[in-house]
Amino acid sequence: MHIDDIVYAPGVARMRVIPYGNEMLDARLLASARMEELVRTARARYSDRFIVLDLPEAPALESVQPLLGWLDGTVLVVPYGSARTRAVRQAVDRIGAERLAGLIMNRVPG
């Protein structure tokens, strides 16, 4: 599959999206050689832009550890009120403080 077949324009200027796909997808596929090539290709093609990957939840981070090394930074999304402090700290440790760009809290009531 070519990158042009999976990159979509969502209607926001200069933004392109590659959907994660199916939540039943084995997260280990994200750490494959083909995924590394996809990230490399996207970085070369869109060198003047940020590339944002929506990854599985923190428990699956262990299986995508190689993928984290190919990225410049990671933003951790934390669900309000349901994330345990220990789980967030473990995710930060897996990502590595040097690659953690920040945290976003979602599902905030209001």
PDB file of N, CA and C in Angstrom:
ATOM      1  N   MET A   1       0.845  -1.179   0.000  1.00  0.00           N
ATOM      2  CA  MET A   1       0.000   0.000   0.000  1.00  0.00           C
ATOM      3  C   MET A   1       0.887   1.238   0.000  1.00  0.00           C
ATOM      4  N   HIS A   2       0.535   2.212  -0.797  1.00  0.00           N
ATOM      5  CA  HIS A   2       1.294   3.458  -0.900  1.00  0.00           C
ATOM      6  C   HIS A   2       0.743   4.477   0.095  1.00  0.00           C
ATOM      7  N   ILE A   3       1.587   5.374   0.555  1.00  0.00           N
ATOM      8  CA  ILE A   3       1.177   6.371   1.547  1.00  0.00           C
ATOM      9  C   ILE A   3      -0.010   7.200   1.057  1.00  0.00           C
ATOM     10  N   ASP A   4      -0.081   7.463  -0.256  1.00  0.00           N
ATOM     11  CA  ASP A   4      -1.193   8.246  -0.797  1.00  0.00           C
ATOM     12  C   ASP A   4      -2.536   7.544  -0.612  1.00  0.00           C
ATOM     13  N   ASP A   5      -2.505   6.237  -0.440  1.00  0.00           N
ATOM     14  CA  ASP A   5      -3.742   5.475  -0.280  1.00  0.00           C
ATOM     15  C   ASP A   5      -4.319   5.559   1.130  1.00  0.00           C
ATOM     16  N   ILE A   6      -3.538   6.020   2.085  1.00  0.00           N
ATOM     17  CA  ILE A   6      -4.020   6.016   3.467  1.00  0.00           C
ATOM     18  C   ILE A   6      -4.006   7.388   4.138  1.00  0.00           C
ATOM     19  N   VAL A   7      -3.483   8.406   3.455  1.00  0.00           N
ATOM     20  CA  VAL A   7      -3.447   9.752   4.001  1.00  0.00           C
ATOM     21  C   VAL A   7      -4.695  10.496   3.544  1.00  0.00           C
ATOM     22  N   TYR A   8      -5.408  11.073   4.504  1.00  0.00           N
ATOM     23  CA  TYR A   8      -6.652  11.774   4.208  1.00  0.00           C
ATOM     24  C   TYR A   8      -6.558  13.240   4.612  1.00  0.00           C
ATOM     25  N   ALA A   9      -7.239  14.103   3.851  1.00  0.00           N
ATOM     26  CA  ALA A   9      -7.341  15.527   4.181  1.00  0.00           C
ATOM     27  C   ALA A   9      -8.666  15.736   4.911  1.00  0.00           C
ATOM     28  N   PRO A  10      -8.624  16.071   6.203  1.00  0.00           N
ATOM     29  CA  PRO A  10      -9.866  16.192   6.976  1.00  0.00           C
ATOM     30  C   PRO A  10     -10.594  17.523   6.791  1.00  0.00           C
ATOM     31  N   GLY A  11     -10.036  18.412   5.971  1.00  0.00           N
ATOM     32  CA  GLY A  11     -10.681  19.704   5.753  1.00  0.00           C
ATOM     33  C   GLY A  11     -10.039  20.848   6.516  1.00  0.00           C
ATOM     34  N   VAL A  12      -8.977  20.573   7.249  1.00  0.00           N
ATOM     35  CA  VAL A  12      -8.224  21.598   7.964  1.00  0.00           C
ATOM     36  C   VAL A  12      -6.967  21.883   7.140  1.00  0.00           C
ATOM     37  N   ALA A  13      -6.717  23.147   6.857  1.00  0.00           N
ATOM     38  CA  ALA A  13      -5.585  23.523   6.015  1.00  0.00           C
ATOM     39  C   ALA A  13      -4.286  22.889   6.503  1.00  0.00           C
ATOM     40  N   ARG A  14      -3.545  22.318   5.578  1.00  0.00           N
ATOM     41  CA  ARG A  14      -2.221  21.728   5.816  1.00  0.00           C
ATOM     42  C   ARG A  14      -2.227  20.567   6.805  1.00  0.00           C
ATOM     43  N   MET A  15      -3.388  19.990   7.063  1.00  0.00           N
ATOM     44  CA  MET A  15      -3.462  18.849   7.971  1.00  0.00           C
ATOM     45  C   MET A  15      -3.788  17.591   7.172  1.00  0.00           C
ATOM     46  N   ARG A  16      -3.082  16.525   7.481  1.00  0.00           N
ATOM     47  CA  ARG A  16      -3.345  15.227   6.874  1.00  0.00           C
ATOM     48  C   ARG A  16      -3.431  14.207   7.997  1.00  0.00           C
ATOM     49  N   VAL A  17      -4.228  13.181   7.793  1.00  0.00           N
ATOM     50  CA  VAL A  17      -4.490  12.196   8.825  1.00  0.00           C
ATOM     51  C   VAL A  17      -4.291  10.798   8.272  1.00  0.00           C
ATOM     52  N   ILE A  18      -3.662   9.952   9.060  1.00  0.00           N
ATOM     53  CA  ILE A  18      -3.617   8.515   8.799  1.00  0.00           C
ATOM     54  C   ILE A  18      -4.346   7.874   9.967  1.00  0.00           C
ATOM     55  N   PRO A  19      -5.554   7.390   9.730  1.00  0.00           N
ATOM     56  CA  PRO A  19      -6.323   6.819  10.846  1.00  0.00           C
ATOM     57  C   PRO A  19      -5.672   5.560  11.403  1.00  0.00           C
ATOM     58  N   TYR A  20      -5.839   5.366  12.699  1.00  0.00           N
ATOM     59  CA  TYR A  20      -5.310   4.170  13.361  1.00  0.00           C
ATOM     60  C   TYR A  20      -5.972   2.920  12.812  1.00  0.00           C
ATOM     61  N   GLY A  21      -7.218   3.043  12.469  1.00  0.00           N
ATOM     62  CA  GLY A  21      -7.908   1.893  11.885  1.00  0.00           C
ATOM     63  C   GLY A  21      -8.821   1.235  12.874  1.00  0.00           C
ATOM     64  N   ASN A  22      -8.579  -0.001  13.122  1.00  0.00           N
ATOM     65  CA  ASN A  22      -9.458  -0.831  13.911  1.00  0.00           C
ATOM     66  C   ASN A  22      -8.879  -1.012  15.308  1.00  0.00           C
ATOM     67  N   GLU A  23      -9.681  -0.761  16.342  1.00  0.00           N
ATOM     68  CA  GLU A  23      -9.155  -0.917  17.705  1.00  0.00           C
ATOM     69  C   GLU A  23      -8.797  -2.365  18.021  1.00  0.00           C
ATOM     70  N   MET A  24      -9.262  -3.287  17.202  1.00  0.00           N
ATOM     71  CA  MET A  24      -8.920  -4.693  17.389  1.00  0.00           C
ATOM     72  C   MET A  24      -7.559  -5.022  16.762  1.00  0.00           C
ATOM     73  N   LEU A  25      -6.991  -4.055  16.023  1.00  0.00           N
ATOM     74  CA  LEU A  25      -5.689  -4.236  15.391  1.00  0.00           C
ATOM     75  C   LEU A  25      -4.634  -4.520  16.450  1.00  0.00           C
ATOM     76  N   ASP A  26      -3.788  -5.464  16.195  1.00  0.00           N
ATOM     77  CA  ASP A  26      -2.720  -5.806  17.133  1.00  0.00           C
ATOM     78  C   ASP A  26      -1.730  -4.639  17.197  1.00  0.00           C
ATOM     79  N   ALA A  27      -1.594  -4.038  18.372  1.00  0.00           N
ATOM     80  CA  ALA A  27      -0.721  -2.875  18.543  1.00  0.00           C
ATOM     81  C   ALA A  27       0.726  -3.183  18.170  1.00  0.00           C
ATOM     82  N   ARG A  28       1.126  -4.453  18.235  1.00  0.00           N
ATOM     83  CA  ARG A  28       2.513  -4.804  17.881  1.00  0.00           C
ATOM     84  C   ARG A  28       2.820  -4.493  16.426  1.00  0.00           C
ATOM     85  N   LEU A  29       1.801  -4.430  15.578  1.00  0.00           N
ATOM     86  CA  LEU A  29       2.027  -4.088  14.169  1.00  0.00           C
ATOM     87  C   LEU A  29       2.576  -2.669  14.026  1.00  0.00           C
ATOM     88  N   LEU A  30       2.281  -1.817  15.012  1.00  0.00           N
ATOM     89  CA  LEU A  30       2.771  -0.447  14.973  1.00  0.00           C
ATOM     90  C   LEU A  30       4.284  -0.378  15.175  1.00  0.00           C
ATOM     91  N   ALA A  31       4.893  -1.428  15.670  1.00  0.00           N
ATOM     92  CA  ALA A  31       6.339  -1.461  15.884  1.00  0.00           C
ATOM     93  C   ALA A  31       7.051  -2.245  14.782  1.00  0.00           C
ATOM     94  N   SER A  32       6.361  -2.496  13.687  1.00  0.00           N
ATOM     95  CA  SER A  32       6.919  -3.308  12.608  1.00  0.00           C
ATOM     96  C   SER A  32       7.837  -2.482  11.698  1.00  0.00           C
ATOM     97  N   ALA A  33       8.604  -3.181  10.885  1.00  0.00           N
ATOM     98  CA  ALA A  33       9.488  -2.524   9.921  1.00  0.00           C
ATOM     99  C   ALA A  33       8.674  -1.703   8.920  1.00  0.00           C
ATOM    100  N   ARG A  34       7.493  -2.176   8.550  1.00  0.00           N
ATOM    101  CA  ARG A  34       6.646  -1.427   7.612  1.00  0.00           C
ATOM    102  C   ARG A  34       6.174  -0.116   8.228  1.00  0.00           C
ATOM    103  N   MET A  35       5.891  -0.128   9.528  1.00  0.00           N
ATOM    104  CA  MET A  35       5.471   1.108  10.190  1.00  0.00           C
ATOM    105  C   MET A  35       6.640   2.078  10.276  1.00  0.00           C
ATOM    106  N   GLU A  36       7.820   1.558  10.559  1.00  0.00           N
ATOM    107  CA  GLU A  36       9.003   2.418  10.587  1.00  0.00           C
ATOM    108  C   GLU A  36       9.198   3.085   9.228  1.00  0.00           C
ATOM    109  N   GLU A  37       9.023   2.323   8.158  1.00  0.00           N
ATOM    110  CA  GLU A  37       9.145   2.870   6.806  1.00  0.00           C
ATOM    111  C   GLU A  37       8.065   3.920   6.542  1.00  0.00           C
ATOM    112  N   LEU A  38       6.852   3.676   7.014  1.00  0.00           N
ATOM    113  CA  LEU A  38       5.774   4.649   6.850  1.00  0.00           C
ATOM    114  C   LEU A  38       6.108   5.955   7.554  1.00  0.00           C
ATOM    115  N   VAL A  39       6.610   5.879   8.775  1.00  0.00           N
ATOM    116  CA  VAL A  39       6.985   7.085   9.521  1.00  0.00           C
ATOM    117  C   VAL A  39       8.101   7.818   8.786  1.00  0.00           C
ATOM    118  N   ARG A  40       9.095   7.090   8.315  1.00  0.00           N
ATOM    119  CA  ARG A  40      10.203   7.707   7.573  1.00  0.00           C
ATOM    120  C   ARG A  40       9.699   8.400   6.306  1.00  0.00           C
ATOM    121  N   THR A  41       8.829   7.720   5.571  1.00  0.00           N
ATOM    122  CA  THR A  41       8.274   8.275   4.338  1.00  0.00           C
ATOM    123  C   THR A  41       7.457   9.527   4.621  1.00  0.00           C
ATOM    124  N   ALA A  42       6.628   9.479   5.651  1.00  0.00           N
ATOM    125  CA  ALA A  42       5.803  10.638   6.003  1.00  0.00           C
ATOM    126  C   ALA A  42       6.676  11.817   6.421  1.00  0.00           C
ATOM    127  N   ARG A  43       7.720  11.548   7.186  1.00  0.00           N
ATOM    128  CA  ARG A  43       8.611  12.632   7.630  1.00  0.00           C
ATOM    129  C   ARG A  43       9.323  13.272   6.446  1.00  0.00           C
ATOM    130  N   ALA A  44       9.732  12.473   5.476  1.00  0.00           N
ATOM    131  CA  ALA A  44      10.408  13.011   4.303  1.00  0.00           C
ATOM    132  C   ALA A  44       9.430  13.808   3.433  1.00  0.00           C
ATOM    133  N   ARG A  45       8.243  13.278   3.256  1.00  0.00           N
ATOM    134  CA  ARG A  45       7.254  13.917   2.388  1.00  0.00           C
ATOM    135  C   ARG A  45       6.681  15.194   3.004  1.00  0.00           C
ATOM    136  N   TYR A  46       6.481  15.197   4.314  1.00  0.00           N
ATOM    137  CA  TYR A  46       5.878  16.326   5.011  1.00  0.00           C
ATOM    138  C   TYR A  46       6.880  16.958   5.966  1.00  0.00           C
ATOM    139  N   SER A  47       8.061  17.236   5.492  1.00  0.00           N
ATOM    140  CA  SER A  47       9.137  17.709   6.362  1.00  0.00           C
ATOM    141  C   SER A  47       8.860  19.079   6.975  1.00  0.00           C
ATOM    142  N   ASP A  48       7.926  19.823   6.412  1.00  0.00           N
ATOM    143  CA  ASP A  48       7.607  21.150   6.939  1.00  0.00           C
ATOM    144  C   ASP A  48       6.398  21.128   7.877  1.00  0.00           C
ATOM    145  N   ARG A  49       5.988  19.930   8.315  1.00  0.00           N
ATOM    146  CA  ARG A  49       4.789  19.806   9.137  1.00  0.00           C
ATOM    147  C   ARG A  49       5.047  18.898  10.330  1.00  0.00           C
ATOM    148  N   PHE A  50       4.130  18.976  11.271  1.00  0.00           N
ATOM    149  CA  PHE A  50       4.146  18.025  12.377  1.00  0.00           C
ATOM    150  C   PHE A  50       3.386  16.782  11.940  1.00  0.00           C
ATOM    151  N   ILE A  51       3.866  15.638  12.324  1.00  0.00           N
ATOM    152  CA  ILE A  51       3.178  14.382  12.050  1.00  0.00           C
ATOM    153  C   ILE A  51       2.665  13.870  13.379  1.00  0.00           C
ATOM    154  N   VAL A  52       1.370  13.680  13.446  1.00  0.00           N
ATOM    155  CA  VAL A  52       0.731  13.250  14.685  1.00  0.00           C
ATOM    156  C   VAL A  52       0.190  11.846  14.488  1.00  0.00           C
ATOM    157  N   LEU A  53       0.588  10.940  15.348  1.00  0.00           N
ATOM    158  CA  LEU A  53       0.089   9.571  15.310  1.00  0.00           C
ATOM    159  C   LEU A  53      -0.805   9.347  16.519  1.00  0.00           C
ATOM    160  N   ASP A  54      -1.986   8.848  16.279  1.00  0.00           N
ATOM    161  CA  ASP A  54      -2.889   8.493  17.365  1.00  0.00           C
ATOM    162  C   ASP A  54      -2.617   7.033  17.686  1.00  0.00           C
ATOM    163  N   LEU A  55      -2.086   6.782  18.866  1.00  0.00           N
ATOM    164  CA  LEU A  55      -1.661   5.436  19.236  1.00  0.00           C
ATOM    165  C   LEU A  55      -2.618   4.821  20.243  1.00  0.00           C
ATOM    166  N   PRO A  56      -2.508   3.531  20.457  1.00  0.00           N
ATOM    167  CA  PRO A  56      -3.390   2.869  21.422  1.00  0.00           C
ATOM    168  C   PRO A  56      -3.153   3.359  22.849  1.00  0.00           C
ATOM    169  N   GLU A  57      -4.023   2.931  23.724  1.00  0.00           N
ATOM    170  CA  GLU A  57      -3.939   3.345  25.126  1.00  0.00           C
ATOM    171  C   GLU A  57      -2.654   2.864  25.785  1.00  0.00           C
ATOM    172  N   ALA A  58      -2.336   3.490  26.905  1.00  0.00           N
ATOM    173  CA  ALA A  58      -1.083   3.258  27.617  1.00  0.00           C
ATOM    174  C   ALA A  58      -0.735   1.789  27.853  1.00  0.00           C
ATOM    175  N   PRO A  59      -1.679   0.909  28.214  1.00  0.00           N
ATOM    176  CA  PRO A  59      -1.275  -0.479  28.433  1.00  0.00           C
ATOM    177  C   PRO A  59      -0.611  -1.124  27.213  1.00  0.00           C
ATOM    178  N   ALA A  60      -0.904  -0.621  26.023  1.00  0.00           N
ATOM    179  CA  ALA A  60      -0.306  -1.188  24.813  1.00  0.00           C
ATOM    180  C   ALA A  60       1.031  -0.549  24.465  1.00  0.00           C
ATOM    181  N   LEU A  61       1.463   0.464  25.229  1.00  0.00           N
ATOM    182  CA  LEU A  61       2.709   1.156  24.902  1.00  0.00           C
ATOM    183  C   LEU A  61       3.916   0.225  24.895  1.00  0.00           C
ATOM    184  N   GLU A  62       3.906  -0.767  25.735  1.00  0.00           N
ATOM    185  CA  GLU A  62       5.043  -1.689  25.773  1.00  0.00           C
ATOM    186  C   GLU A  62       5.259  -2.338  24.412  1.00  0.00           C
ATOM    187  N   SER A  63       4.172  -2.699  23.748  1.00  0.00           N
ATOM    188  CA  SER A  63       4.303  -3.375  22.463  1.00  0.00           C
ATOM    189  C   SER A  63       4.681  -2.425  21.328  1.00  0.00           C
ATOM    190  N   VAL A  64       4.553  -1.116  21.534  1.00  0.00           N
ATOM    191  CA  VAL A  64       4.938  -0.162  20.489  1.00  0.00           C
ATOM    192  C   VAL A  64       6.199   0.624  20.867  1.00  0.00           C
ATOM    193  N   GLN A  65       6.943   0.133  21.842  1.00  0.00           N
ATOM    194  CA  GLN A  65       8.147   0.821  22.311  1.00  0.00           C
ATOM    195  C   GLN A  65       9.091   1.209  21.164  1.00  0.00           C
ATOM    196  N   PRO A  66       9.368   0.337  20.189  1.00  0.00           N
ATOM    197  CA  PRO A  66      10.252   0.761  19.095  1.00  0.00           C
ATOM    198  C   PRO A  66       9.701   1.976  18.337  1.00  0.00           C
ATOM    199  N   LEU A  67       8.399   2.031  18.143  1.00  0.00           N
ATOM    200  CA  LEU A  67       7.778   3.158  17.444  1.00  0.00           C
ATOM    201  C   LEU A  67       8.053   4.464  18.173  1.00  0.00           C
ATOM    202  N   LEU A  68       8.016   4.460  19.490  1.00  0.00           N
ATOM    203  CA  LEU A  68       8.256   5.675  20.259  1.00  0.00           C
ATOM    204  C   LEU A  68       9.638   6.243  19.983  1.00  0.00           C
ATOM    205  N   GLY A  69      10.593   5.388  19.702  1.00  0.00           N
ATOM    206  CA  GLY A  69      11.945   5.835  19.391  1.00  0.00           C
ATOM    207  C   GLY A  69      12.076   6.523  18.043  1.00  0.00           C
ATOM    208  N   TRP A  70      11.112   6.334  17.161  1.00  0.00           N
ATOM    209  CA  TRP A  70      11.150   6.961  15.832  1.00  0.00           C
ATOM    210  C   TRP A  70      10.515   8.340  15.844  1.00  0.00           C
ATOM    211  N   LEU A  71       9.895   8.714  16.960  1.00  0.00           N
ATOM    212  CA  LEU A  71       9.154   9.962  17.040  1.00  0.00           C
ATOM    213  C   LEU A  71       9.967  11.033  17.753  1.00  0.00           C
ATOM    214  N   ASP A  72       9.715  12.282  17.396  1.00  0.00           N
ATOM    215  CA  ASP A  72      10.412  13.394  18.047  1.00  0.00           C
ATOM    216  C   ASP A  72       9.825  13.699  19.421  1.00  0.00           C
ATOM    217  N   GLY A  73       8.543  13.461  19.573  1.00  0.00           N
ATOM    218  CA  GLY A  73       7.892  13.754  20.834  1.00  0.00           C
ATOM    219  C   GLY A  73       6.570  13.024  20.932  1.00  0.00           C
ATOM    220  N   THR A  74       6.069  12.947  22.143  1.00  0.00           N
ATOM    221  CA  THR A  74       4.816  12.253  22.404  1.00  0.00           C
ATOM    222  C   THR A  74       3.977  13.092  23.346  1.00  0.00           C
ATOM    223  N   VAL A  75       2.693  13.168  23.045  1.00  0.00           N
ATOM    224  CA  VAL A  75       1.728  13.809  23.933  1.00  0.00           C
ATOM    225  C   VAL A  75       0.858  12.693  24.477  1.00  0.00           C
ATOM    226  N   LEU A  76       0.791  12.607  25.780  1.00  0.00           N
ATOM    227  CA  LEU A  76       0.015  11.563  26.442  1.00  0.00           C
ATOM    228  C   LEU A  76      -1.378  12.097  26.751  1.00  0.00           C
ATOM    229  N   VAL A  77      -2.402  11.403  26.281  1.00  0.00           N
ATOM    230  CA  VAL A  77      -3.782  11.783  26.560  1.00  0.00           C
ATOM    231  C   VAL A  77      -4.262  10.963  27.751  1.00  0.00           C
ATOM    232  N   VAL A  78      -4.742  11.667  28.763  1.00  0.00           N
ATOM    233  CA  VAL A  78      -5.145  11.034  30.022  1.00  0.00           C
ATOM    234  C   VAL A  78      -6.636  11.279  30.246  1.00  0.00           C
ATOM    235  N   PRO A  79      -7.428  10.222  30.399  1.00  0.00           N
ATOM    236  CA  PRO A  79      -8.855  10.418  30.643  1.00  0.00           C
ATOM    237  C   PRO A  79      -9.118  10.935  32.054  1.00  0.00           C
ATOM    238  N   TYR A  80      -9.830  12.031  32.135  1.00  0.00           N
ATOM    239  CA  TYR A  80     -10.153  12.676  33.417  1.00  0.00           C
ATOM    240  C   TYR A  80     -10.936  11.725  34.316  1.00  0.00           C
ATOM    241  N   GLY A  81     -10.489  11.619  35.545  1.00  0.00           N
ATOM    242  CA  GLY A  81     -11.237  10.892  36.552  1.00  0.00           C
ATOM    243  C   GLY A  81     -11.114   9.385  36.525  1.00  0.00           C
ATOM    244  N   SER A  82     -10.547   8.824  35.472  1.00  0.00           N
ATOM    245  CA  SER A  82     -10.459   7.362  35.431  1.00  0.00           C
ATOM    246  C   SER A  82      -9.024   6.848  35.328  1.00  0.00           C
ATOM    247  N   ALA A  83      -8.092   7.736  35.096  1.00  0.00           N
ATOM    248  CA  ALA A  83      -6.691   7.315  34.999  1.00  0.00           C
ATOM    249  C   ALA A  83      -6.073   7.288  36.390  1.00  0.00           C
ATOM    250  N   ARG A  84      -5.423   6.216  36.698  1.00  0.00           N
ATOM    251  CA  ARG A  84      -4.718   6.082  37.977  1.00  0.00           C
ATOM    252  C   ARG A  84      -3.344   6.745  37.848  1.00  0.00           C
ATOM    253  N   THR A  85      -2.938   7.411  38.906  1.00  0.00           N
ATOM    254  CA  THR A  85      -1.645   8.094  38.917  1.00  0.00           C
ATOM    255  C   THR A  85      -0.524   7.127  38.555  1.00  0.00           C
ATOM    256  N   ARG A  86      -0.576   5.929  39.102  1.00  0.00           N
ATOM    257  CA  ARG A  86       0.469   4.938  38.832  1.00  0.00           C
ATOM    258  C   ARG A  86       0.532   4.598  37.347  1.00  0.00           C
ATOM    259  N   ALA A  87      -0.624   4.438  36.701  1.00  0.00           N
ATOM    260  CA  ALA A  87      -0.657   4.104  35.270  1.00  0.00           C
ATOM    261  C   ALA A  87      -0.084   5.246  34.427  1.00  0.00           C
ATOM    262  N   VAL A  88      -0.387   6.478  34.810  1.00  0.00           N
ATOM    263  CA  VAL A  88       0.146   7.634  34.084  1.00  0.00           C
ATOM    264  C   VAL A  88       1.660   7.689  34.248  1.00  0.00           C
ATOM    265  N   ARG A  89       2.142   7.463  35.459  1.00  0.00           N
ATOM    266  CA  ARG A  89       3.596   7.474  35.689  1.00  0.00           C
ATOM    267  C   ARG A  89       4.291   6.367  34.902  1.00  0.00           C
ATOM    268  N   GLN A  90       3.668   5.193  34.834  1.00  0.00           N
ATOM    269  CA  GLN A  90       4.250   4.096  34.056  1.00  0.00           C
ATOM    270  C   GLN A  90       4.302   4.453  32.573  1.00  0.00           C
ATOM    271  N   ALA A  91       3.252   5.089  32.068  1.00  0.00           N
ATOM    272  CA  ALA A  91       3.240   5.510  30.664  1.00  0.00           C
ATOM    273  C   ALA A  91       4.331   6.543  30.405  1.00  0.00           C
ATOM    274  N   VAL A  92       4.488   7.494  31.317  1.00  0.00           N
ATOM    275  CA  VAL A  92       5.547   8.508  31.174  1.00  0.00           C
ATOM    276  C   VAL A  92       6.915   7.835  31.190  1.00  0.00           C
ATOM    277  N   ASP A  93       7.105   6.855  32.071  1.00  0.00           N
ATOM    278  CA  ASP A  93       8.375   6.134  32.118  1.00  0.00           C
ATOM    279  C   ASP A  93       8.638   5.388  30.807  1.00  0.00           C
ATOM    280  N   ARG A  94       7.611   4.774  30.243  1.00  0.00           N
ATOM    281  CA  ARG A  94       7.774   4.050  28.972  1.00  0.00           C
ATOM    282  C   ARG A  94       8.110   5.003  27.837  1.00  0.00           C
ATOM    283  N   ILE A  95       7.435   6.145  27.803  1.00  0.00           N
ATOM    284  CA  ILE A  95       7.676   7.135  26.748  1.00  0.00           C
ATOM    285  C   ILE A  95       9.069   7.726  26.916  1.00  0.00           C
ATOM    286  N   GLY A  96       9.438   8.034  28.146  1.00  0.00           N
ATOM    287  CA  GLY A  96      10.714   8.686  28.429  1.00  0.00           C
ATOM    288  C   GLY A  96      10.501  10.181  28.569  1.00  0.00           C
ATOM    289  N   ALA A  97      10.965  10.736  29.654  1.00  0.00           N
ATOM    290  CA  ALA A  97      10.757  12.161  29.933  1.00  0.00           C
ATOM    291  C   ALA A  97      11.291  13.044  28.812  1.00  0.00           C
ATOM    292  N   GLU A  98      12.374  12.618  28.161  1.00  0.00           N
ATOM    293  CA  GLU A  98      12.971  13.431  27.094  1.00  0.00           C
ATOM    294  C   GLU A  98      12.095  13.485  25.846  1.00  0.00           C
ATOM    295  N   ARG A  99      11.190  12.523  25.680  1.00  0.00           N
ATOM    296  CA  ARG A  99      10.303  12.504  24.509  1.00  0.00           C
ATOM    297  C   ARG A  99       8.880  12.969  24.836  1.00  0.00           C
ATOM    298  N   LEU A 100       8.598  13.205  26.106  1.00  0.00           N
ATOM    299  CA  LEU A 100       7.251  13.607  26.497  1.00  0.00           C
ATOM    300  C   LEU A 100       7.076  15.107  26.271  1.00  0.00           C
ATOM    301  N   ALA A 101       6.229  15.456  25.314  1.00  0.00           N
ATOM    302  CA  ALA A 101       5.986  16.868  24.991  1.00  0.00           C
ATOM    303  C   ALA A 101       4.911  17.466  25.894  1.00  0.00           C
ATOM    304  N   GLY A 102       4.075  16.615  26.472  1.00  0.00           N
ATOM    305  CA  GLY A 102       3.050  17.131  27.366  1.00  0.00           C
ATOM    306  C   GLY A 102       1.939  16.136  27.606  1.00  0.00           C
ATOM    307  N   LEU A 103       0.977  16.572  28.396  1.00  0.00           N
ATOM    308  CA  LEU A 103      -0.193  15.764  28.726  1.00  0.00           C
ATOM    309  C   LEU A 103      -1.448  16.516  28.316  1.00  0.00           C
ATOM    310  N   ILE A 104      -2.439  15.792  27.833  1.00  0.00           N
ATOM    311  CA  ILE A 104      -3.748  16.354  27.540  1.00  0.00           C
ATOM    312  C   ILE A 104      -4.744  15.561  28.353  1.00  0.00           C
ATOM    313  N   MET A 105      -5.594  16.252  29.072  1.00  0.00           N
ATOM    314  CA  MET A 105      -6.633  15.577  29.826  1.00  0.00           C
ATOM    315  C   MET A 105      -7.923  15.681  29.018  1.00  0.00           C
ATOM    316  N   ASN A 106      -8.527  14.537  28.692  1.00  0.00           N
ATOM    317  CA  ASN A 106      -9.775  14.569  27.938  1.00  0.00           C
ATOM    318  C   ASN A 106     -10.923  14.053  28.799  1.00  0.00           C
ATOM    319  N   ARG A 107     -12.109  14.140  28.246  1.00  0.00           N
ATOM    320  CA  ARG A 107     -13.341  13.741  28.924  1.00  0.00           C
ATOM    321  C   ARG A 107     -13.558  14.526  30.214  1.00  0.00           C
ATOM    322  N   VAL A 108     -13.108  15.776  30.237  1.00  0.00           N
ATOM    323  CA  VAL A 108     -13.284  16.625  31.408  1.00  0.00           C
ATOM    324  C   VAL A 108     -14.740  17.093  31.439  1.00  0.00           C
ATOM    325  N   PRO A 109     -15.441  16.881  32.544  1.00  0.00           N
ATOM    326  CA  PRO A 109     -16.837  17.325  32.601  1.00  0.00           C
ATOM    327  C   PRO A 109     -16.923  18.845  32.535  1.00  0.00           C
ATOM    328  N   GLY A 110     -17.983  19.289  31.929  1.00  0.00           N
ATOM    329  CA  GLY A 110     -18.082  20.723  31.957  1.00  0.00           C
ATOM    330  C   GLY A 110     -18.934  21.297  30.963  1.00  0.00           C
TER     331      GLY A 110
END
